[in-house]
Amino acid sequence: MFTPTLARLAGGRPGFLRRSIEELRRQAGIAVRMEGLHEPQKPFPLIKFDESQTPERCKIMSDQTNFGGYSRATLTHVPGAPHVDNEGGLGRIGGGERGGEEPSHAVFTGMISTDLPVNRPDIQRSGFAAWRTRDRGWWMFGKLLWDIDPYAYLALRIKSDGRRYFINIQTESIVPTDIHQHLLPSYTPGQWETVTIPFSAFVRTNYGVVVEPQKEMLRQKVRSVGIGLTDRVPGPFELCIADVYATNRAPEHDRLKREDTGFDLEVEEEESHGMMDEIAPKRRKGEPERILI
């Protein structure tokens, strides 16, 4: 178990004291608002790409970074209209502050290539790119994790190019390699939109394979959230992300009533193609390639 020391409290670990103070302030605010006694009404931000340094809080992965392949990806900040600190503002792009100007956001962009790296006979399949939030570090009472248990939905403010992206949530579960995934819906590609997904619709996977029996996500201990592209369609991609947050506001449409996770849960598994374990050594028939992030 992590035990804080005087060296850490005195600054032996950069940002430790600041993180502890911020977490204490956040939890004190929850107590004052008595959020544990009723359903929170305000959204809970997981990451807001409203500042130039925010992409540094994320880890980028691709064929190129993981095993010398040729798919590449970047996550860069684009300045724009300030974010509004209420759900209405989160749902309205730019919140109307600057006459419809795009909000400050990050652009996840790059190129997917299915070419195999030379001198790597162990790699038989390639073509992925992804990002996830980095671990948030420690504070005086242990590891910093998100508690989103009081919330029913994950919401993202995005502008998609229409490709098949997946949302990935990792928790501090008993099996650390478990990832909860859901297809990132986009109803208006090329335009800003807010998409809302029930946490109950996420599917638990391990190394890219759907895990049975399914278990409820450990929402009290969320470690990271991210987005991956594993459709293995060669060519450029671009996804803009302004906000990712937990909410209790239900979607205004019923297009997710079918809980379309993007997974076909009733087809047989195909034989592994010998790729690195991190890049889904097994998959189910008809599914896109997926990556553990």
Foldseek 3Di string as FASTA:
>chain_A
DDADDPCVCVCVDPCQVVVQVVVVVVVVVCVVVVCVVDQDAFWFFPAFLQDFCRCVQKDKDFCCVPPNDDWDKDKGKDAKAGADRGPVSVFQASSCPPPRIGHTWIKIKTWFDFDDDPPCPLADTGTKIKMKGAFPQAYNVGGDFAQLVSFFKKKWWKAFQPAWKKKWWAFPDPPRQKIWIFTDDDDDHRDIGMDMATQVLTFIDGLAEGDPPTDRDPNGGIGMMMMMHQQNDTTMTIMITGTIITRRDDDPDCPCVVSHRQADPPADKDQFPSHPSQFRRIYGPPGGTDGRD
